[in-house]
Amino acid sequence: MASVISPDTLLFLKDLNQNNNRDWFTQNKERYLAAKENMVEFVDDLIQEISGFDEAILKLDAKKSLFRIYRDTRFSKDKTPYKTNFGAGLGMGKGAEIAGYYLHIEPGKSFLAGGAYQPESGVLREIRKEISINRNEFEAVINGMEFSKYFSGLSQEDKLVRVPPGFEKDDPMAEFLKLKSYIAVYQLKDTEILDKGAVAKFAGIFSSVKPLNDFLSAPFR
């Protein structure tokens, strides 16, 4: 039977959000460790489920896929020491993977994402070239029935105002070439997170973004 995300895990994150300091965290370290273990088990089952349509995901380790809860505050105005979410990256820039999947668990703000997030400049240029050259194939992916079932398009976060150098201003794909990330995002309700069928549902949503991942990764294979 697949793992489920425990209500205690969400409760820990809610409490951490209201008590984001080292003293409270130290006093509640056991709760954190229990929540972290719950997430590792869930992500491990999710990896197994995703491997049914993406075998490359099997090489990932659930524990290593989970991001650290400790924030790097050195260059941030926000000095709170802990993240108030659990995030797991499955591919998406990890190792040699250009595109992949991401799970974000945060009470009231959870989401699933797929694609390529803020790739380095050389990789980003190759992705843009692929989109410009293979317009029809790219449009078929993002307008596909399965993709459109869960996603309304690609995230417009950090979009450029102008077409980047090296591409024609009147390129038919100009609006897509302005993007700095190529990700699709599905917002989750807390009830969906706690559902017993969450592993299967999340994997199903990720399967709909697999064609986008394949397209974005094609220039590097």
C-alpha atoms as a PDB file:
ATOM      1  CA  MET A   1       0.000   0.000   0.000  1.00  0.00           C
ATOM      2  CA  ALA A   2       1.314   3.437  -0.966  1.00  0.00           C
ATOM      3  CA  SER A   3       2.419   5.874   1.717  1.00  0.00           C
ATOM      4  CA  VAL A   4       0.273   8.850   2.657  1.00  0.00           C
ATOM      5  CA  ILE A   5       1.236  12.295   3.893  1.00  0.00           C
ATOM      6  CA  SER A   6       0.280  12.478   7.544  1.00  0.00           C
ATOM      7  CA  PRO A   7      -1.875  15.293   8.949  1.00  0.00           C
ATOM      8  CA  ASP A   8       0.886  15.606  11.577  1.00  0.00           C
ATOM      9  CA  THR A   9       3.314  16.596   8.819  1.00  0.00           C
ATOM     10  CA  LEU A  10       1.090  19.479   7.718  1.00  0.00           C
ATOM     11  CA  LEU A  11       0.479  20.461  11.334  1.00  0.00           C
ATOM     12  CA  PHE A  12       4.220  20.591  11.977  1.00  0.00           C
ATOM     13  CA  LEU A  13       4.664  22.932   8.997  1.00  0.00           C
ATOM     14  CA  LYS A  14       1.796  25.145  10.187  1.00  0.00           C
ATOM     15  CA  ASP A  15       3.302  25.381  13.659  1.00  0.00           C
ATOM     16  CA  LEU A  16       6.763  26.045  12.229  1.00  0.00           C
ATOM     17  CA  ASN A  17       5.351  28.898  10.172  1.00  0.00           C
ATOM     18  CA  GLN A  18       4.133  30.514  13.398  1.00  0.00           C
ATOM     19  CA  ASN A  19       7.286  29.715  15.398  1.00  0.00           C
ATOM     20  CA  ASN A  20      10.151  30.061  12.948  1.00  0.00           C
ATOM     21  CA  ASN A  21      13.016  30.263  15.422  1.00  0.00           C
ATOM     22  CA  ARG A  22      15.788  27.940  16.600  1.00  0.00           C
ATOM     23  CA  ASP A  23      14.516  27.492  20.143  1.00  0.00           C
ATOM     24  CA  TRP A  24      11.112  26.242  19.015  1.00  0.00           C
ATOM     25  CA  PHE A  25      12.654  24.040  16.338  1.00  0.00           C
ATOM     26  CA  THR A  26      15.041  22.464  18.835  1.00  0.00           C
ATOM     27  CA  GLN A  27      12.170  21.722  21.203  1.00  0.00           C
ATOM     28  CA  ASN A  28      10.203  20.153  18.346  1.00  0.00           C
ATOM     29  CA  LYS A  29      13.083  18.324  16.659  1.00  0.00           C
ATOM     30  CA  GLU A  30      11.374  14.944  17.043  1.00  0.00           C
ATOM     31  CA  ARG A  31       8.295  16.240  15.244  1.00  0.00           C
ATOM     32  CA  TYR A  32      10.506  17.491  12.435  1.00  0.00           C
ATOM     33  CA  LEU A  33      12.293  14.148  12.102  1.00  0.00           C
ATOM     34  CA  ALA A  34       8.969  12.291  12.020  1.00  0.00           C
ATOM     35  CA  ALA A  35       7.610  14.654   9.357  1.00  0.00           C
ATOM     36  CA  LYS A  36      10.794  14.348   7.311  1.00  0.00           C
ATOM     37  CA  GLU A  37      10.651  10.536   7.466  1.00  0.00           C
ATOM     38  CA  ASN A  38       7.016  10.654   6.382  1.00  0.00           C
ATOM     39  CA  MET A  39       8.010  12.759   3.362  1.00  0.00           C
ATOM     40  CA  VAL A  40      10.899  10.443   2.453  1.00  0.00           C
ATOM     41  CA  GLU A  41       8.566   7.442   2.466  1.00  0.00           C
ATOM     42  CA  PHE A  42       6.006   9.301   0.362  1.00  0.00           C
ATOM     43  CA  VAL A  43       8.592  10.483  -2.168  1.00  0.00           C
ATOM     44  CA  ASP A  44      10.058   6.973  -2.398  1.00  0.00           C
ATOM     45  CA  ASP A  45       6.622   5.566  -3.291  1.00  0.00           C
ATOM     46  CA  LEU A  46       6.087   8.436  -5.721  1.00  0.00           C
ATOM     47  CA  ILE A  47       9.389   7.605  -7.451  1.00  0.00           C
ATOM     48  CA  GLN A  48       8.279   3.993  -7.836  1.00  0.00           C
ATOM     49  CA  GLU A  49       4.950   5.108  -9.313  1.00  0.00           C
ATOM     50  CA  ILE A  50       6.560   7.591 -11.728  1.00  0.00           C
ATOM     51  CA  SER A  51       8.992   4.908 -12.912  1.00  0.00           C
ATOM     52  CA  GLY A  52       6.040   3.240 -14.618  1.00  0.00           C
ATOM     53  CA  PHE A  53       6.274   5.875 -17.377  1.00  0.00           C
ATOM     54  CA  ASP A  54       9.759   7.326 -16.725  1.00  0.00           C
ATOM     55  CA  GLU A  55      12.330   4.665 -15.841  1.00  0.00           C
ATOM     56  CA  ALA A  56      15.142   7.221 -15.452  1.00  0.00           C
ATOM     57  CA  ILE A  57      13.537   8.356 -12.205  1.00  0.00           C
ATOM     58  CA  LEU A  58      14.483   5.082 -10.515  1.00  0.00           C
ATOM     59  CA  LYS A  59      18.101   6.194 -10.180  1.00  0.00           C
ATOM     60  CA  LEU A  60      17.033   8.936  -7.764  1.00  0.00           C
ATOM     61  CA  ASP A  61      17.232   8.539  -3.997  1.00  0.00           C
ATOM     62  CA  ALA A  62      14.155   9.791  -2.126  1.00  0.00           C
ATOM     63  CA  LYS A  63      16.166  11.073   0.839  1.00  0.00           C
ATOM     64  CA  LYS A  64      18.586  13.018  -1.370  1.00  0.00           C
ATOM     65  CA  SER A  65      15.708  14.362  -3.474  1.00  0.00           C
ATOM     66  CA  LEU A  66      14.226  16.129  -0.453  1.00  0.00           C
ATOM     67  CA  PHE A  67      15.560  19.664  -0.070  1.00  0.00           C
ATOM     68  CA  ARG A  68      17.053  20.820   3.238  1.00  0.00           C
ATOM     69  CA  ILE A  69      14.658  22.635   5.563  1.00  0.00           C
ATOM     70  CA  TYR A  70      17.424  24.960   6.723  1.00  0.00           C
ATOM     71  CA  ARG A  71      17.456  28.318   4.907  1.00  0.00           C
ATOM     72  CA  ASP A  72      20.602  30.058   3.665  1.00  0.00           C
ATOM     73  CA  THR A  73      20.088  33.520   5.134  1.00  0.00           C
ATOM     74  CA  ARG A  74      23.483  35.000   4.266  1.00  0.00           C
ATOM     75  CA  PHE A  75      22.231  37.184   1.417  1.00  0.00           C
ATOM     76  CA  SER A  76      18.553  37.431   2.379  1.00  0.00           C
ATOM     77  CA  LYS A  77      16.675  40.152   4.228  1.00  0.00           C
ATOM     78  CA  ASP A  78      14.474  37.386   5.623  1.00  0.00           C
ATOM     79  CA  LYS A  79      16.501  35.914   8.478  1.00  0.00           C
ATOM     80  CA  THR A  80      14.023  33.225   9.538  1.00  0.00           C
ATOM     81  CA  PRO A  81      16.151  30.073   9.814  1.00  0.00           C
ATOM     82  CA  TYR A  82      13.780  27.452   8.367  1.00  0.00           C
ATOM     83  CA  LYS A  83      11.722  26.857   5.274  1.00  0.00           C
ATOM     84  CA  THR A  84       8.053  26.299   6.024  1.00  0.00           C
ATOM     85  CA  ASN A  85       7.672  23.633   3.360  1.00  0.00           C
ATOM     86  CA  PHE A  86       9.010  20.288   2.230  1.00  0.00           C
ATOM     87  CA  GLY A  87      10.238  20.255  -1.354  1.00  0.00           C
ATOM     88  CA  ALA A  88      11.439  17.316  -3.428  1.00  0.00           C
ATOM     89  CA  GLY A  89      13.168  17.642  -6.790  1.00  0.00           C
ATOM     90  CA  LEU A  90      12.987  14.634  -9.085  1.00  0.00           C
ATOM     91  CA  GLY A  91      15.266  15.530 -11.970  1.00  0.00           C
ATOM     92  CA  MET A  92      14.737  19.186 -12.938  1.00  0.00           C
ATOM     93  CA  GLY A  93      18.400  20.197 -12.873  1.00  0.00           C
ATOM     94  CA  LYS A  94      19.545  17.529 -10.423  1.00  0.00           C
ATOM     95  CA  GLY A  95      22.499  15.530 -11.704  1.00  0.00           C
ATOM     96  CA  ALA A  96      22.499  15.415 -15.492  1.00  0.00           C
ATOM     97  CA  GLU A  97      18.727  15.881 -15.781  1.00  0.00           C
ATOM     98  CA  ILE A  98      17.568  19.043 -17.567  1.00  0.00           C
ATOM     99  CA  ALA A  99      13.855  18.588 -16.937  1.00  0.00           C
ATOM    100  CA  GLY A 100      11.936  16.689 -14.296  1.00  0.00           C
ATOM    101  CA  TYR A 101       9.328  16.887 -11.559  1.00  0.00           C
ATOM    102  CA  TYR A 102       8.939  18.851  -8.341  1.00  0.00           C
ATOM    103  CA  LEU A 103       6.744  18.291  -5.268  1.00  0.00           C
ATOM    104  CA  HIS A 104       6.085  21.206  -2.895  1.00  0.00           C
ATOM    105  CA  ILE A 105       4.216  20.570   0.368  1.00  0.00           C
ATOM    106  CA  GLU A 106       3.172  23.661   2.323  1.00  0.00           C
ATOM    107  CA  PRO A 107      -0.212  24.121   4.032  1.00  0.00           C
ATOM    108  CA  GLY A 108      -2.444  26.117   1.686  1.00  0.00           C
ATOM    109  CA  LYS A 109       0.363  26.599  -0.858  1.00  0.00           C
ATOM    110  CA  SER A 110       1.245  23.113  -2.111  1.00  0.00           C
ATOM    111  CA  PHE A 111       1.831  22.391  -5.783  1.00  0.00           C
ATOM    112  CA  LEU A 112       3.295  20.011  -8.331  1.00  0.00           C
ATOM    113  CA  ALA A 113       5.530  21.230 -11.148  1.00  0.00           C
ATOM    114  CA  GLY A 114       7.265  19.769 -14.152  1.00  0.00           C
ATOM    115  CA  GLY A 115       9.730  21.015 -16.735  1.00  0.00           C
ATOM    116  CA  ALA A 116      13.042  22.882 -16.582  1.00  0.00           C
ATOM    117  CA  TYR A 117      13.494  25.452 -13.796  1.00  0.00           C
ATOM    118  CA  GLN A 118      16.001  28.287 -14.288  1.00  0.00           C
ATOM    119  CA  PRO A 119      18.488  26.310 -16.421  1.00  0.00           C
ATOM    120  CA  GLU A 120      21.958  27.822 -16.826  1.00  0.00           C
ATOM    121  CA  SER A 121      22.438  30.153 -19.789  1.00  0.00           C
ATOM    122  CA  GLY A 122      23.921  27.642 -22.240  1.00  0.00           C
ATOM    123  CA  VAL A 123      21.174  25.118 -21.580  1.00  0.00           C
ATOM    124  CA  LEU A 124      18.497  27.823 -21.769  1.00  0.00           C
ATOM    125  CA  ARG A 125      19.769  28.930 -25.183  1.00  0.00           C
ATOM    126  CA  GLU A 126      19.578  25.376 -26.542  1.00  0.00           C
ATOM    127  CA  ILE A 127      16.032  24.970 -25.230  1.00  0.00           C
ATOM    128  CA  ARG A 128      15.007  28.228 -26.891  1.00  0.00           C
ATOM    129  CA  LYS A 129      16.572  27.120 -30.179  1.00  0.00           C
ATOM    130  CA  GLU A 130      14.654  23.842 -29.983  1.00  0.00           C
ATOM    131  CA  ILE A 131      11.390  25.715 -29.441  1.00  0.00           C
ATOM    132  CA  SER A 132      12.079  28.118 -32.305  1.00  0.00           C
ATOM    133  CA  ILE A 133      13.043  25.362 -34.752  1.00  0.00           C
ATOM    134  CA  ASN A 134      10.432  22.792 -33.721  1.00  0.00           C
ATOM    135  CA  ARG A 135       7.461  25.075 -33.206  1.00  0.00           C
ATOM    136  CA  ASN A 136       4.779  22.595 -34.219  1.00  0.00           C
ATOM    137  CA  GLU A 137       6.104  19.844 -31.976  1.00  0.00           C
ATOM    138  CA  PHE A 138       6.320  22.183 -28.977  1.00  0.00           C
ATOM    139  CA  GLU A 139       2.808  23.539 -29.506  1.00  0.00           C
ATOM    140  CA  ALA A 140       1.477  19.993 -29.824  1.00  0.00           C
ATOM    141  CA  VAL A 141       2.936  19.220 -26.387  1.00  0.00           C
ATOM    142  CA  ILE A 142       1.571  22.227 -24.492  1.00  0.00           C
ATOM    143  CA  ASN A 143      -1.793  22.079 -26.270  1.00  0.00           C
ATOM    144  CA  GLY A 144      -2.141  18.317 -25.862  1.00  0.00           C
ATOM    145  CA  MET A 145      -5.261  16.927 -24.238  1.00  0.00           C
ATOM    146  CA  GLU A 146      -3.503  15.328 -21.246  1.00  0.00           C
ATOM    147  CA  PHE A 147      -1.321  18.365 -20.579  1.00  0.00           C
ATOM    148  CA  SER A 148      -4.275  20.758 -20.825  1.00  0.00           C
ATOM    149  CA  LYS A 149      -6.258  18.598 -18.415  1.00  0.00           C
ATOM    150  CA  TYR A 150      -4.027  19.749 -15.544  1.00  0.00           C
ATOM    151  CA  PHE A 151      -2.108  22.786 -16.793  1.00  0.00           C
ATOM    152  CA  SER A 152      -3.280  26.072 -18.322  1.00  0.00           C
ATOM    153  CA  GLY A 153       0.099  26.719 -19.920  1.00  0.00           C
ATOM    154  CA  LEU A 154       3.613  27.505 -18.743  1.00  0.00           C
ATOM    155  CA  SER A 155       4.553  29.703 -15.795  1.00  0.00           C
ATOM    156  CA  GLN A 156       5.280  33.316 -16.773  1.00  0.00           C
ATOM    157  CA  GLU A 157       7.514  33.931 -13.749  1.00  0.00           C
ATOM    158  CA  ASP A 158      10.595  36.118 -14.469  1.00  0.00           C
ATOM    159  CA  LYS A 159       9.629  36.485 -18.132  1.00  0.00           C
ATOM    160  CA  LEU A 160      11.828  38.814 -20.194  1.00  0.00           C
ATOM    161  CA  VAL A 161      10.380  41.998 -21.689  1.00  0.00           C
ATOM    162  CA  ARG A 162      12.203  41.501 -25.002  1.00  0.00           C
ATOM    163  CA  VAL A 163      13.177  38.550 -27.135  1.00  0.00           C
ATOM    164  CA  PRO A 164      16.679  37.445 -26.035  1.00  0.00           C
ATOM    165  CA  PRO A 165      19.725  38.159 -28.244  1.00  0.00           C
ATOM    166  CA  GLY A 166      20.286  35.644 -31.017  1.00  0.00           C
ATOM    167  CA  PHE A 167      16.611  35.281 -31.892  1.00  0.00           C
ATOM    168  CA  GLU A 168      14.413  37.253 -34.290  1.00  0.00           C
ATOM    169  CA  LYS A 169      12.004  39.735 -32.701  1.00  0.00           C
ATOM    170  CA  ASP A 170       9.223  38.509 -34.979  1.00  0.00           C
ATOM    171  CA  ASP A 171       9.848  34.822 -34.297  1.00  0.00           C
ATOM    172  CA  PRO A 172       6.409  33.115 -34.102  1.00  0.00           C
ATOM    173  CA  MET A 173       7.499  31.653 -30.751  1.00  0.00           C
ATOM    174  CA  ALA A 174       8.747  35.005 -29.398  1.00  0.00           C
ATOM    175  CA  GLU A 175       6.600  34.922 -26.250  1.00  0.00           C
ATOM    176  CA  PHE A 176       7.954  31.497 -25.306  1.00  0.00           C
ATOM    177  CA  LEU A 177      11.527  32.540 -26.072  1.00  0.00           C
ATOM    178  CA  LYS A 178      11.214  35.260 -23.429  1.00  0.00           C
ATOM    179  CA  LEU A 179      10.757  32.678 -20.680  1.00  0.00           C
ATOM    180  CA  LYS A 180      13.676  31.926 -18.322  1.00  0.00           C
ATOM    181  CA  SER A 181      12.086  28.716 -17.013  1.00  0.00           C
ATOM    182  CA  TYR A 182       9.888  26.207 -18.797  1.00  0.00           C
ATOM    183  CA  ILE A 183       7.670  24.824 -16.073  1.00  0.00           C
ATOM    184  CA  ALA A 184       4.024  23.870 -15.685  1.00  0.00           C
ATOM    185  CA  VAL A 185       2.446  24.193 -12.235  1.00  0.00           C
ATOM    186  CA  TYR A 186      -0.553  22.415 -10.705  1.00  0.00           C
ATOM    187  CA  GLN A 187      -1.888  23.868  -7.444  1.00  0.00           C
ATOM    188  CA  LEU A 188      -2.860  21.363  -4.754  1.00  0.00           C
ATOM    189  CA  LYS A 189      -5.486  21.589  -2.031  1.00  0.00           C
ATOM    190  CA  ASP A 190      -4.656  20.252   1.424  1.00  0.00           C
ATOM    191  CA  THR A 191      -7.380  17.619   0.988  1.00  0.00           C
ATOM    192  CA  GLU A 192      -5.581  16.297  -2.112  1.00  0.00           C
ATOM    193  CA  ILE A 193      -2.314  16.045  -0.182  1.00  0.00           C
ATOM    194  CA  LEU A 194      -3.835  13.976   2.603  1.00  0.00           C
ATOM    195  CA  ASP A 195      -5.834  11.713   0.305  1.00  0.00           C
ATOM    196  CA  LYS A 196      -4.949   8.011   0.410  1.00  0.00           C
ATOM    197  CA  GLY A 197      -4.643   7.979  -3.365  1.00  0.00           C
ATOM    198  CA  ALA A 198      -2.242  10.933  -3.509  1.00  0.00           C
ATOM    199  CA  VAL A 199       0.736   8.941  -4.806  1.00  0.00           C
ATOM    200  CA  ALA A 200      -1.213   7.614  -7.787  1.00  0.00           C
ATOM    201  CA  LYS A 201      -2.865  10.968  -8.483  1.00  0.00           C
ATOM    202  CA  PHE A 202       0.371  12.942  -8.326  1.00  0.00           C
ATOM    203  CA  ALA A 203       2.092  10.436 -10.600  1.00  0.00           C
ATOM    204  CA  GLY A 204      -0.801  10.749 -13.039  1.00  0.00           C
ATOM    205  CA  ILE A 205      -0.389  14.517 -13.136  1.00  0.00           C
ATOM    206  CA  PHE A 206       3.363  14.137 -13.622  1.00  0.00           C
ATOM    207  CA  SER A 207       2.762  11.705 -16.500  1.00  0.00           C
ATOM    208  CA  SER A 208       0.916  14.462 -18.360  1.00  0.00           C
ATOM    209  CA  VAL A 209       4.028  16.664 -18.198  1.00  0.00           C
ATOM    210  CA  LYS A 210       6.407  13.903 -19.352  1.00  0.00           C
ATOM    211  CA  PRO A 211       6.127  14.927 -23.061  1.00  0.00           C
ATOM    212  CA  LEU A 212       7.233  18.448 -22.096  1.00  0.00           C
ATOM    213  CA  ASN A 213      10.210  17.040 -20.209  1.00  0.00           C
ATOM    214  CA  ASP A 214      11.131  14.901 -23.216  1.00  0.00           C
ATOM    215  CA  PHE A 215      10.974  17.902 -25.539  1.00  0.00           C
ATOM    216  CA  LEU A 216      13.083  20.109 -23.251  1.00  0.00           C
ATOM    217  CA  SER A 217      15.686  17.379 -22.760  1.00  0.00           C
ATOM    218  CA  ALA A 218      15.916  16.352 -26.433  1.00  0.00           C
ATOM    219  CA  PRO A 219      18.815  18.696 -27.395  1.00  0.00           C
ATOM    220  CA  PHE A 220      21.000  17.139 -24.690  1.00  0.00           C
ATOM    221  CA  ARG A 221      20.549  13.455 -25.514  1.00  0.00           C
END
